Amino acid sequence: MNWDGRGRPRTRGPSLDAIPRIDSVQWLREGNFSRPNFGFDFLMHGEKVFSLTCRQVGEGRISLSVEWEDERGGCTRRVRVDREGRPLGGVQPWFLCPDCGRRVRHLYLFMNSITCRVCTGLPYESERCSGLGRLSLRFHKARNRLEWCDGLPHRRKWQRVEAYERDLEEFERLDIQYLVEGTSKFRR
């Protein structure tokens, strides 16, 4: 990790939020683990950035091949897939990082490699923010959990009343805190 909580957070360079990733749970929902071979193109701003090809190479093993559209070329990594039974039925797929062997949900495509979050060494966006920046991220996340109509929050059609009241209370608390801390920063 690039920042241990002491001093100033790292503010330069990419964060994990800007790096393409592969999600094992999303692949399970889409049925990709049951297919012997599949692939897709990753688009950014309407332009192809890379192609990912996956093929089964044995029980619990897949081969991921990435072909970048620029001078980086490509890479192929063999990744093990671990499946864990869930208490209420079903399975949870996990990738095993090809570099460190950790069981992870996401693999990142970074520096012409396929690896886990820890091996990339990149921070989350919230780790790069100041205190007010983190508060802003929490505020917008709480605001997005509410349904808005004519500038006023409304309960979603199927949302439980308790959940709506909790989300509204959290939004109001963060709204006041954001207003107080944001204006106090400009008074200094």
N, C-alpha and C. Protein backbone atom coordinates (compact mmCIF):
# COMPACT_ATOMS: atom_id res chain seq x y z
N MET A 1 0.86 -1.17 0.00
CA MET A 1 0.00 0.00 0.00
C MET A 1 0.90 1.22 0.00
N ASN A 2 0.48 2.25 -0.73
CA ASN A 2 1.30 3.43 -0.87
C ASN A 2 1.11 4.45 0.23
N TRP A 3 0.10 4.28 1.04
CA TRP A 3 -0.15 5.24 2.10
C TRP A 3 -0.62 4.48 3.33
N ASP A 4 0.05 4.68 4.44
CA ASP A 4 -0.29 3.92 5.65
C ASP A 4 -1.15 4.72 6.62
N GLY A 5 -1.69 5.86 6.19
CA GLY A 5 -2.57 6.64 7.05
C GLY A 5 -1.86 7.77 7.76
N ARG A 6 -0.53 7.81 7.71
CA ARG A 6 0.22 8.89 8.34
C ARG A 6 0.72 9.81 7.24
N GLY A 7 0.72 11.11 7.52
CA GLY A 7 1.22 12.06 6.54
C GLY A 7 0.20 12.31 5.44
N ARG A 8 0.69 12.79 4.32
CA ARG A 8 -0.19 13.12 3.20
C ARG A 8 -0.41 11.91 2.32
N PRO A 9 -1.64 11.71 1.83
CA PRO A 9 -1.89 10.61 0.92
C PRO A 9 -1.24 10.86 -0.44
N ARG A 10 -0.99 9.78 -1.15
CA ARG A 10 -0.42 9.88 -2.48
C ARG A 10 -1.45 10.49 -3.42
N THR A 11 -1.06 11.53 -4.16
CA THR A 11 -2.03 12.22 -5.01
C THR A 11 -1.71 12.10 -6.49
N ARG A 12 -0.57 11.60 -6.85
CA ARG A 12 -0.22 11.50 -8.26
C ARG A 12 -0.37 10.07 -8.75
N GLY A 13 -0.54 9.93 -10.05
CA GLY A 13 -0.61 8.60 -10.65
C GLY A 13 -2.01 8.03 -10.62
N PRO A 14 -2.16 6.87 -11.21
CA PRO A 14 -3.49 6.25 -11.31
C PRO A 14 -3.95 5.67 -9.98
N SER A 15 -5.24 5.48 -9.88
CA SER A 15 -5.82 4.77 -8.74
C SER A 15 -6.54 3.55 -9.28
N LEU A 16 -6.96 2.67 -8.39
CA LEU A 16 -7.63 1.43 -8.81
C LEU A 16 -8.93 1.70 -9.54
N ASP A 17 -9.57 2.83 -9.26
CA ASP A 17 -10.84 3.14 -9.90
C ASP A 17 -10.68 3.40 -11.39
N ALA A 18 -9.46 3.72 -11.84
CA ALA A 18 -9.22 4.03 -13.25
C ALA A 18 -8.63 2.85 -14.03
N ILE A 19 -8.42 1.72 -13.36
CA ILE A 19 -7.77 0.57 -13.99
C ILE A 19 -8.84 -0.47 -14.35
N PRO A 20 -8.81 -1.03 -15.57
CA PRO A 20 -9.79 -2.07 -15.93
C PRO A 20 -9.63 -3.30 -15.03
N ARG A 21 -10.76 -3.91 -14.67
CA ARG A 21 -10.71 -5.07 -13.79
C ARG A 21 -11.66 -6.15 -14.27
N ILE A 22 -11.39 -7.38 -13.81
CA ILE A 22 -12.23 -8.54 -14.10
C ILE A 22 -12.88 -8.93 -12.78
N ASP A 23 -14.20 -9.08 -12.79
CA ASP A 23 -14.97 -9.41 -11.59
C ASP A 23 -15.46 -10.85 -11.68
N SER A 24 -15.04 -11.69 -10.74
CA SER A 24 -15.41 -13.11 -10.78
C SER A 24 -16.91 -13.32 -10.59
N VAL A 25 -17.56 -12.52 -9.74
CA VAL A 25 -18.99 -12.68 -9.50
C VAL A 25 -19.79 -12.28 -10.73
N GLN A 26 -19.38 -11.21 -11.40
CA GLN A 26 -20.05 -10.79 -12.62
C GLN A 26 -19.91 -11.87 -13.70
N TRP A 27 -18.72 -12.46 -13.79
CA TRP A 27 -18.51 -13.54 -14.76
C TRP A 27 -19.41 -14.74 -14.46
N LEU A 28 -19.62 -15.06 -13.18
CA LEU A 28 -20.50 -16.16 -12.81
C LEU A 28 -21.94 -15.85 -13.23
N ARG A 29 -22.40 -14.61 -12.96
CA ARG A 29 -23.76 -14.22 -13.35
C ARG A 29 -23.96 -14.30 -14.86
N GLU A 30 -22.94 -13.94 -15.63
CA GLU A 30 -23.04 -13.95 -17.09
C GLU A 30 -22.83 -15.34 -17.67
N GLY A 31 -22.48 -16.31 -16.83
CA GLY A 31 -22.28 -17.68 -17.30
C GLY A 31 -20.96 -17.92 -17.99
N ASN A 32 -19.99 -17.04 -17.78
CA ASN A 32 -18.70 -17.17 -18.47
C ASN A 32 -17.88 -18.37 -18.00
N PHE A 33 -18.03 -18.77 -16.73
CA PHE A 33 -17.23 -19.90 -16.23
C PHE A 33 -17.68 -21.23 -16.82
N SER A 34 -18.92 -21.29 -17.32
CA SER A 34 -19.41 -22.54 -17.90
C SER A 34 -19.06 -22.67 -19.38
N ARG A 35 -18.59 -21.60 -19.99
CA ARG A 35 -18.19 -21.66 -21.40
C ARG A 35 -16.74 -22.10 -21.52
N PRO A 36 -16.41 -22.93 -22.51
CA PRO A 36 -15.01 -23.34 -22.66
C PRO A 36 -14.11 -22.21 -23.14
N ASN A 37 -14.62 -21.36 -24.02
CA ASN A 37 -13.85 -20.23 -24.54
C ASN A 37 -14.77 -19.04 -24.69
N PHE A 38 -14.27 -17.87 -24.38
CA PHE A 38 -15.02 -16.65 -24.64
C PHE A 38 -14.03 -15.49 -24.66
N GLY A 39 -14.49 -14.37 -25.14
CA GLY A 39 -13.66 -13.18 -25.18
C GLY A 39 -14.52 -11.94 -25.32
N PHE A 40 -13.92 -10.81 -25.07
CA PHE A 40 -14.62 -9.55 -25.26
C PHE A 40 -13.60 -8.44 -25.47
N ASP A 41 -14.08 -7.32 -26.02
CA ASP A 41 -13.26 -6.13 -26.21
C ASP A 41 -13.62 -5.12 -25.14
N PHE A 42 -12.61 -4.49 -24.58
CA PHE A 42 -12.83 -3.44 -23.58
C PHE A 42 -12.75 -2.10 -24.30
N LEU A 43 -13.85 -1.33 -24.21
CA LEU A 43 -13.92 -0.04 -24.88
C LEU A 43 -13.83 1.08 -23.86
N MET A 44 -13.12 2.15 -24.23
CA MET A 44 -13.04 3.34 -23.39
C MET A 44 -13.26 4.54 -24.31
N HIS A 45 -14.29 5.32 -24.04
CA HIS A 45 -14.66 6.46 -24.87
C HIS A 45 -14.92 6.04 -26.31
N GLY A 46 -15.50 4.86 -26.49
CA GLY A 46 -15.86 4.37 -27.81
C GLY A 46 -14.73 3.74 -28.60
N GLU A 47 -13.52 3.72 -28.05
CA GLU A 47 -12.39 3.13 -28.75
C GLU A 47 -11.92 1.87 -28.03
N LYS A 48 -11.52 0.88 -28.80
CA LYS A 48 -11.05 -0.38 -28.25
C LYS A 48 -9.69 -0.18 -27.58
N VAL A 49 -9.60 -0.59 -26.31
CA VAL A 49 -8.36 -0.46 -25.56
C VAL A 49 -7.60 -1.79 -25.55
N PHE A 50 -8.32 -2.89 -25.29
CA PHE A 50 -7.69 -4.20 -25.32
C PHE A 50 -8.74 -5.27 -25.56
N SER A 51 -8.27 -6.46 -25.91
CA SER A 51 -9.14 -7.63 -26.08
C SER A 51 -8.73 -8.64 -25.03
N LEU A 52 -9.71 -9.27 -24.40
CA LEU A 52 -9.45 -10.30 -23.40
C LEU A 52 -10.04 -11.60 -23.92
N THR A 53 -9.24 -12.64 -23.93
CA THR A 53 -9.68 -13.97 -24.35
C THR A 53 -9.47 -14.92 -23.18
N CYS A 54 -10.48 -15.72 -22.89
CA CYS A 54 -10.40 -16.67 -21.80
C CYS A 54 -10.72 -18.05 -22.32
N ARG A 55 -9.93 -19.04 -21.88
CA ARG A 55 -10.25 -20.43 -22.23
C ARG A 55 -9.96 -21.32 -21.04
N GLN A 56 -10.78 -22.36 -20.91
CA GLN A 56 -10.61 -23.33 -19.83
C GLN A 56 -9.42 -24.23 -20.18
N VAL A 57 -8.51 -24.43 -19.23
CA VAL A 57 -7.36 -25.29 -19.47
C VAL A 57 -7.30 -26.46 -18.49
N GLY A 58 -8.38 -26.70 -17.81
CA GLY A 58 -8.43 -27.80 -16.85
C GLY A 58 -9.44 -27.49 -15.76
N GLU A 59 -9.58 -28.41 -14.83
CA GLU A 59 -10.52 -28.23 -13.74
C GLU A 59 -10.04 -27.10 -12.84
N GLY A 60 -10.82 -26.04 -12.76
CA GLY A 60 -10.48 -24.91 -11.90
C GLY A 60 -9.36 -24.04 -12.42
N ARG A 61 -9.03 -24.15 -13.69
CA ARG A 61 -7.96 -23.32 -14.27
C ARG A 61 -8.46 -22.68 -15.55
N ILE A 62 -8.11 -21.40 -15.70
CA ILE A 62 -8.41 -20.69 -16.94
C ILE A 62 -7.15 -19.99 -17.41
N SER A 63 -7.08 -19.74 -18.69
CA SER A 63 -5.97 -19.00 -19.28
C SER A 63 -6.53 -17.68 -19.78
N LEU A 64 -6.00 -16.57 -19.27
CA LEU A 64 -6.44 -15.24 -19.68
C LEU A 64 -5.38 -14.64 -20.59
N SER A 65 -5.79 -14.21 -21.77
CA SER A 65 -4.88 -13.57 -22.72
C SER A 65 -5.37 -12.16 -22.99
N VAL A 66 -4.48 -11.19 -22.85
CA VAL A 66 -4.81 -9.79 -23.09
C VAL A 66 -3.99 -9.30 -24.26
N GLU A 67 -4.66 -8.69 -25.22
CA GLU A 67 -3.99 -8.05 -26.36
C GLU A 67 -4.32 -6.57 -26.31
N TRP A 68 -3.31 -5.74 -26.01
CA TRP A 68 -3.50 -4.29 -25.94
C TRP A 68 -3.46 -3.71 -27.35
N GLU A 69 -4.13 -2.62 -27.56
CA GLU A 69 -4.19 -1.98 -28.87
C GLU A 69 -3.02 -1.03 -29.11
N ASP A 70 -2.16 -0.81 -28.12
CA ASP A 70 -1.03 0.09 -28.31
C ASP A 70 0.27 -0.69 -28.37
N GLU A 71 1.38 -0.05 -28.08
CA GLU A 71 2.69 -0.69 -28.22
C GLU A 71 3.00 -1.73 -27.15
N ARG A 72 2.13 -1.91 -26.17
CA ARG A 72 2.41 -2.86 -25.09
C ARG A 72 2.35 -4.31 -25.53
N GLY A 73 1.66 -4.60 -26.63
CA GLY A 73 1.56 -5.99 -27.08
C GLY A 73 0.52 -6.74 -26.29
N GLY A 74 0.92 -7.83 -25.64
CA GLY A 74 -0.03 -8.63 -24.89
C GLY A 74 0.65 -9.49 -23.86
N CYS A 75 -0.16 -10.21 -23.10
CA CYS A 75 0.36 -11.14 -22.11
C CYS A 75 -0.67 -12.25 -21.92
N THR A 76 -0.20 -13.39 -21.48
CA THR A 76 -1.07 -14.53 -21.17
C THR A 76 -0.72 -15.00 -19.77
N ARG A 77 -1.72 -15.15 -18.92
CA ARG A 77 -1.50 -15.63 -17.56
C ARG A 77 -2.49 -16.76 -17.28
N ARG A 78 -2.02 -17.80 -16.62
CA ARG A 78 -2.90 -18.87 -16.15
C ARG A 78 -3.36 -18.52 -14.75
N VAL A 79 -4.67 -18.58 -14.57
CA VAL A 79 -5.28 -18.18 -13.30
C VAL A 79 -6.12 -19.33 -12.79
N ARG A 80 -5.94 -19.68 -11.52
CA ARG A 80 -6.79 -20.70 -10.90
C ARG A 80 -8.06 -20.05 -10.41
N VAL A 81 -9.15 -20.81 -10.47
CA VAL A 81 -10.44 -20.35 -9.98
C VAL A 81 -10.85 -21.28 -8.84
N ASP A 82 -11.08 -20.71 -7.68
CA ASP A 82 -11.50 -21.45 -6.50
C ASP A 82 -13.00 -21.20 -6.31
N ARG A 83 -13.76 -22.23 -6.01
CA ARG A 83 -15.20 -22.07 -5.80
C ARG A 83 -15.52 -22.45 -4.35
N GLU A 84 -16.27 -21.57 -3.70
CA GLU A 84 -16.64 -21.77 -2.31
C GLU A 84 -18.15 -21.87 -2.22
N GLY A 85 -18.65 -22.89 -1.52
CA GLY A 85 -20.08 -23.03 -1.32
C GLY A 85 -20.60 -21.95 -0.38
N ARG A 86 -21.79 -21.45 -0.65
CA ARG A 86 -22.41 -20.41 0.18
C ARG A 86 -23.42 -21.05 1.12
N PRO A 87 -23.64 -20.46 2.30
CA PRO A 87 -24.54 -21.06 3.30
C PRO A 87 -25.98 -21.27 2.81
N LEU A 88 -26.48 -20.39 1.94
CA LEU A 88 -27.85 -20.52 1.46
C LEU A 88 -27.91 -21.13 0.06
N GLY A 89 -26.85 -21.78 -0.35
CA GLY A 89 -26.81 -22.40 -1.67
C GLY A 89 -26.04 -21.56 -2.66
N GLY A 90 -25.65 -22.17 -3.74
CA GLY A 90 -24.88 -21.47 -4.75
C GLY A 90 -23.39 -21.53 -4.45
N VAL A 91 -22.62 -20.90 -5.31
CA VAL A 91 -21.17 -20.88 -5.14
C VAL A 91 -20.65 -19.45 -5.30
N GLN A 92 -19.52 -19.20 -4.67
CA GLN A 92 -18.81 -17.93 -4.79
C GLN A 92 -17.49 -18.23 -5.50
N PRO A 93 -17.30 -17.73 -6.72
CA PRO A 93 -16.03 -17.96 -7.39
C PRO A 93 -14.97 -16.96 -6.92
N TRP A 94 -13.75 -17.43 -6.82
CA TRP A 94 -12.62 -16.58 -6.45
C TRP A 94 -11.50 -16.83 -7.45
N PHE A 95 -10.84 -15.75 -7.87
CA PHE A 95 -9.60 -15.91 -8.63
C PHE A 95 -8.47 -16.06 -7.63
N LEU A 96 -7.46 -16.84 -7.98
CA LEU A 96 -6.23 -16.89 -7.20
C LEU A 96 -5.21 -16.06 -7.98
N CYS A 97 -4.70 -15.02 -7.35
CA CYS A 97 -3.77 -14.10 -8.03
C CYS A 97 -2.58 -14.88 -8.57
N PRO A 98 -2.23 -14.67 -9.85
CA PRO A 98 -1.09 -15.39 -10.42
C PRO A 98 0.25 -15.00 -9.80
N ASP A 99 0.33 -13.83 -9.16
CA ASP A 99 1.60 -13.38 -8.58
C ASP A 99 1.78 -13.82 -7.13
N CYS A 100 0.74 -13.56 -6.29
CA CYS A 100 0.91 -13.84 -4.86
C CYS A 100 0.05 -15.00 -4.35
N GLY A 101 -0.91 -15.48 -5.14
CA GLY A 101 -1.74 -16.60 -4.74
C GLY A 101 -2.91 -16.25 -3.84
N ARG A 102 -3.13 -14.94 -3.57
CA ARG A 102 -4.27 -14.54 -2.75
C ARG A 102 -5.58 -14.86 -3.44
N ARG A 103 -6.60 -15.15 -2.64
CA ARG A 103 -7.94 -15.39 -3.16
C ARG A 103 -8.64 -14.04 -3.28
N VAL A 104 -8.98 -13.63 -4.52
CA VAL A 104 -9.52 -12.30 -4.76
C VAL A 104 -10.75 -12.37 -5.66
N ARG A 105 -11.61 -11.38 -5.54
CA ARG A 105 -12.77 -11.29 -6.40
C ARG A 105 -12.42 -10.58 -7.71
N HIS A 106 -11.53 -9.59 -7.65
CA HIS A 106 -11.17 -8.80 -8.82
C HIS A 106 -9.71 -9.01 -9.21
N LEU A 107 -9.48 -9.12 -10.50
CA LEU A 107 -8.13 -9.07 -11.05
C LEU A 107 -8.03 -7.81 -11.90
N TYR A 108 -6.91 -7.12 -11.81
CA TYR A 108 -6.72 -5.85 -12.51
C TYR A 108 -5.76 -6.04 -13.68
N LEU A 109 -6.03 -5.32 -14.76
CA LEU A 109 -5.17 -5.32 -15.94
C LEU A 109 -4.31 -4.07 -15.86
N PHE A 110 -3.07 -4.24 -15.38
CA PHE A 110 -2.21 -3.10 -15.09
C PHE A 110 -0.78 -3.41 -15.50
N MET A 111 -0.15 -2.46 -16.18
CA MET A 111 1.26 -2.57 -16.58
C MET A 111 1.53 -3.85 -17.35
N ASN A 112 0.68 -4.13 -18.33
CA ASN A 112 0.81 -5.31 -19.19
C ASN A 112 0.84 -6.60 -18.37
N SER A 113 0.03 -6.65 -17.33
CA SER A 113 -0.05 -7.84 -16.49
C SER A 113 -1.47 -7.98 -15.96
N ILE A 114 -1.77 -9.16 -15.45
CA ILE A 114 -3.05 -9.44 -14.80
C ILE A 114 -2.72 -9.82 -13.37
N THR A 115 -3.17 -9.00 -12.42
CA THR A 115 -2.76 -9.21 -11.04
C THR A 115 -3.82 -8.66 -10.07
N CYS A 116 -3.63 -8.89 -8.78
CA CYS A 116 -4.60 -8.45 -7.77
C CYS A 116 -4.31 -7.02 -7.31
N ARG A 117 -5.17 -6.50 -6.47
CA ARG A 117 -5.05 -5.13 -5.97
C ARG A 117 -3.75 -4.92 -5.19
N VAL A 118 -3.40 -5.86 -4.35
CA VAL A 118 -2.21 -5.71 -3.53
C VAL A 118 -0.95 -5.70 -4.40
N CYS A 119 -0.90 -6.57 -5.40
CA CYS A 119 0.28 -6.65 -6.26
C CYS A 119 0.44 -5.42 -7.16
N THR A 120 -0.66 -4.73 -7.49
CA THR A 120 -0.52 -3.51 -8.28
C THR A 120 0.11 -2.40 -7.46
N GLY A 121 -0.15 -2.38 -6.15
CA GLY A 121 0.39 -1.33 -5.30
C GLY A 121 -0.34 -0.01 -5.45
N LEU A 122 -1.49 0.00 -6.12
CA LEU A 122 -2.22 1.24 -6.35
C LEU A 122 -3.22 1.50 -5.23
N PRO A 123 -3.45 2.77 -4.89
CA PRO A 123 -4.43 3.09 -3.86
C PRO A 123 -5.83 3.17 -4.43
N TYR A 124 -6.84 3.04 -3.55
CA TYR A 124 -8.21 3.36 -3.93
C TYR A 124 -8.33 4.88 -4.06
N GLU A 125 -9.35 5.33 -4.77
CA GLU A 125 -9.54 6.78 -4.92
C GLU A 125 -9.72 7.45 -3.57
N SER A 126 -10.43 6.79 -2.64
CA SER A 126 -10.66 7.40 -1.33
C SER A 126 -9.37 7.54 -0.53
N GLU A 127 -8.37 6.71 -0.80
CA GLU A 127 -7.09 6.83 -0.10
C GLU A 127 -6.28 8.02 -0.59
N ARG A 128 -6.60 8.51 -1.76
CA ARG A 128 -5.88 9.64 -2.33
C ARG A 128 -6.49 10.97 -1.95
N CYS A 129 -7.68 10.94 -1.35
CA CYS A 129 -8.41 12.18 -1.05
C CYS A 129 -8.04 12.71 0.31
N SER A 130 -8.27 14.01 0.48
CA SER A 130 -8.16 14.62 1.80
C SER A 130 -9.39 14.24 2.61
N GLY A 131 -9.47 14.72 3.83
CA GLY A 131 -10.63 14.43 4.66
C GLY A 131 -11.92 14.95 4.05
N LEU A 132 -11.87 16.16 3.49
CA LEU A 132 -13.05 16.74 2.86
C LEU A 132 -13.40 15.98 1.58
N GLY A 133 -12.40 15.49 0.86
CA GLY A 133 -12.66 14.71 -0.35
C GLY A 133 -13.35 13.39 -0.03
N ARG A 134 -12.90 12.71 1.04
CA ARG A 134 -13.55 11.46 1.46
C ARG A 134 -14.98 11.72 1.91
N LEU A 135 -15.18 12.84 2.61
CA LEU A 135 -16.52 13.22 3.03
C LEU A 135 -17.41 13.47 1.81
N SER A 136 -16.85 14.09 0.79
CA SER A 136 -17.60 14.34 -0.44
C SER A 136 -17.99 13.02 -1.12
N LEU A 137 -17.08 12.06 -1.15
CA LEU A 137 -17.40 10.75 -1.74
C LEU A 137 -18.52 10.06 -0.98
N ARG A 138 -18.46 10.08 0.36
CA ARG A 138 -19.52 9.47 1.17
C ARG A 138 -20.85 10.19 0.98
N PHE A 139 -20.81 11.53 0.90
CA PHE A 139 -22.02 12.33 0.70
C PHE A 139 -22.70 11.97 -0.62
N HIS A 140 -21.94 11.89 -1.70
CA HIS A 140 -22.53 11.58 -3.01
C HIS A 140 -23.02 10.14 -3.08
N LYS A 141 -22.34 9.23 -2.39
CA LYS A 141 -22.81 7.85 -2.35
C LYS A 141 -24.14 7.76 -1.61
N ALA A 142 -24.26 8.48 -0.49
CA ALA A 142 -25.52 8.49 0.27
C ALA A 142 -26.63 9.15 -0.54
N ARG A 143 -26.30 10.21 -1.28
CA ARG A 143 -27.30 10.90 -2.11
C ARG A 143 -27.80 9.97 -3.22
N ASN A 144 -26.93 9.19 -3.80
CA ASN A 144 -27.31 8.29 -4.89
C ASN A 144 -28.17 7.12 -4.42
N ARG A 145 -28.13 6.81 -3.11
CA ARG A 145 -28.98 5.73 -2.58
C ARG A 145 -30.44 6.15 -2.49
N LEU A 146 -30.71 7.46 -2.60
CA LEU A 146 -32.09 7.96 -2.50
C LEU A 146 -32.66 8.21 -3.89
N GLU A 147 -33.97 8.08 -3.97
CA GLU A 147 -34.71 8.40 -5.21
C GLU A 147 -35.10 9.88 -5.13
N TRP A 148 -34.83 10.63 -6.19
CA TRP A 148 -35.10 12.07 -6.17
C TRP A 148 -36.16 12.42 -7.20
N CYS A 149 -37.09 13.29 -6.80
CA CYS A 149 -38.14 13.78 -7.70
C CYS A 149 -38.38 15.25 -7.35
N ASP A 150 -38.23 16.12 -8.31
CA ASP A 150 -38.40 17.57 -8.11
C ASP A 150 -37.50 18.09 -6.99
N GLY A 151 -36.30 17.57 -6.88
CA GLY A 151 -35.35 18.05 -5.89
C GLY A 151 -35.58 17.55 -4.48
N LEU A 152 -36.55 16.65 -4.30
CA LEU A 152 -36.85 16.12 -2.98
C LEU A 152 -36.66 14.61 -2.96
N PRO A 153 -36.15 14.07 -1.83
CA PRO A 153 -35.97 12.61 -1.75
C PRO A 153 -37.31 11.91 -1.54
N HIS A 154 -37.48 10.79 -2.22
CA HIS A 154 -38.68 9.96 -2.09
C HIS A 154 -38.25 8.52 -1.87
N ARG A 155 -39.13 7.76 -1.21
CA ARG A 155 -38.86 6.35 -1.00
C ARG A 155 -39.08 5.60 -2.31
N ARG A 156 -38.15 4.70 -2.62
CA ARG A 156 -38.32 3.89 -3.83
C ARG A 156 -39.52 2.98 -3.66
N LYS A 157 -40.07 2.55 -4.77
CA LYS A 157 -41.33 1.81 -4.74
C LYS A 157 -41.28 0.58 -3.84
N TRP A 158 -40.22 -0.22 -3.91
CA TRP A 158 -40.15 -1.46 -3.14
C TRP A 158 -39.22 -1.36 -1.93
N GLN A 159 -38.77 -0.14 -1.61
CA GLN A 159 -37.83 0.01 -0.50
C GLN A 159 -38.56 -0.04 0.84
N ARG A 160 -37.98 -0.76 1.79
CA ARG A 160 -38.57 -0.81 3.13
C ARG A 160 -38.48 0.57 3.78
N VAL A 161 -39.45 0.89 4.61
CA VAL A 161 -39.50 2.20 5.26
C VAL A 161 -38.28 2.40 6.15
N GLU A 162 -37.89 1.36 6.89
CA GLU A 162 -36.73 1.48 7.78
C GLU A 162 -35.46 1.79 7.00
N ALA A 163 -35.29 1.13 5.86
CA ALA A 163 -34.10 1.36 5.04
C ALA A 163 -34.11 2.77 4.46
N TYR A 164 -35.29 3.23 4.03
CA TYR A 164 -35.40 4.59 3.49
C TYR A 164 -35.07 5.61 4.57
N GLU A 165 -35.62 5.44 5.76
CA GLU A 165 -35.37 6.39 6.86
C GLU A 165 -33.90 6.39 7.25
N ARG A 166 -33.27 5.23 7.26
CA ARG A 166 -31.84 5.15 7.57
C ARG A 166 -31.01 5.88 6.51
N ASP A 167 -31.33 5.65 5.22
CA ASP A 167 -30.60 6.32 4.14
C ASP A 167 -30.81 7.83 4.18
N LEU A 168 -32.03 8.26 4.46
CA LEU A 168 -32.33 9.69 4.53
C LEU A 168 -31.60 10.34 5.70
N GLU A 169 -31.58 9.66 6.84
CA GLU A 169 -30.89 10.19 8.02
C GLU A 169 -29.38 10.30 7.76
N GLU A 170 -28.81 9.29 7.11
CA GLU A 170 -27.39 9.32 6.77
C GLU A 170 -27.09 10.47 5.81
N PHE A 171 -27.95 10.65 4.81
CA PHE A 171 -27.75 11.74 3.85
C PHE A 171 -27.82 13.10 4.54
N GLU A 172 -28.81 13.30 5.42
CA GLU A 172 -28.95 14.58 6.11
C GLU A 172 -27.76 14.84 7.03
N ARG A 173 -27.27 13.81 7.71
CA ARG A 173 -26.10 13.97 8.59
C ARG A 173 -24.88 14.38 7.78
N LEU A 174 -24.65 13.68 6.66
CA LEU A 174 -23.50 14.00 5.82
C LEU A 174 -23.65 15.35 5.15
N ASP A 175 -24.88 15.74 4.80
CA ASP A 175 -25.13 17.03 4.19
C ASP A 175 -24.71 18.15 5.14
N ILE A 176 -25.12 18.05 6.39
CA ILE A 176 -24.75 19.07 7.38
C ILE A 176 -23.25 19.07 7.63
N GLN A 177 -22.67 17.88 7.77
CA GLN A 177 -21.23 17.77 8.03
C GLN A 177 -20.43 18.33 6.86
N TYR A 178 -20.87 18.04 5.64
CA TYR A 178 -20.18 18.53 4.45
C TYR A 178 -20.28 20.05 4.36
N LEU A 179 -21.44 20.59 4.69
CA LEU A 179 -21.64 22.04 4.67
C LEU A 179 -20.75 22.71 5.71
N VAL A 180 -20.72 22.18 6.93
CA VAL A 180 -19.93 22.77 8.01
C VAL A 180 -18.44 22.69 7.70
N GLU A 181 -17.96 21.50 7.32
CA GLU A 181 -16.53 21.35 7.07
C GLU A 181 -16.09 22.07 5.81
N GLY A 182 -16.96 22.11 4.80
CA GLY A 182 -16.61 22.80 3.56
C GLY A 182 -16.50 24.30 3.75
N THR A 183 -17.44 24.89 4.51
CA THR A 183 -17.38 26.34 4.74
C THR A 183 -16.29 26.71 5.74
N SER A 184 -15.99 25.84 6.69
CA SER A 184 -14.94 26.15 7.67
C SER A 184 -13.58 26.15 6.99
N LYS A 185 -13.43 25.38 5.93
CA LYS A 185 -12.15 25.35 5.21
C LYS A 185 -11.88 26.70 4.54
N PHE A 186 -12.95 27.37 4.07
CA PHE A 186 -12.77 28.65 3.39
C PHE A 186 -12.63 29.82 4.36
N ARG A 187 -13.00 29.64 5.60
CA ARG A 187 -12.87 30.72 6.61
C ARG A 187 -11.44 30.87 7.08
N ARG A 188 -10.63 29.86 6.96
CA ARG A 188 -9.26 29.92 7.48
C ARG A 188 -8.40 30.88 6.75
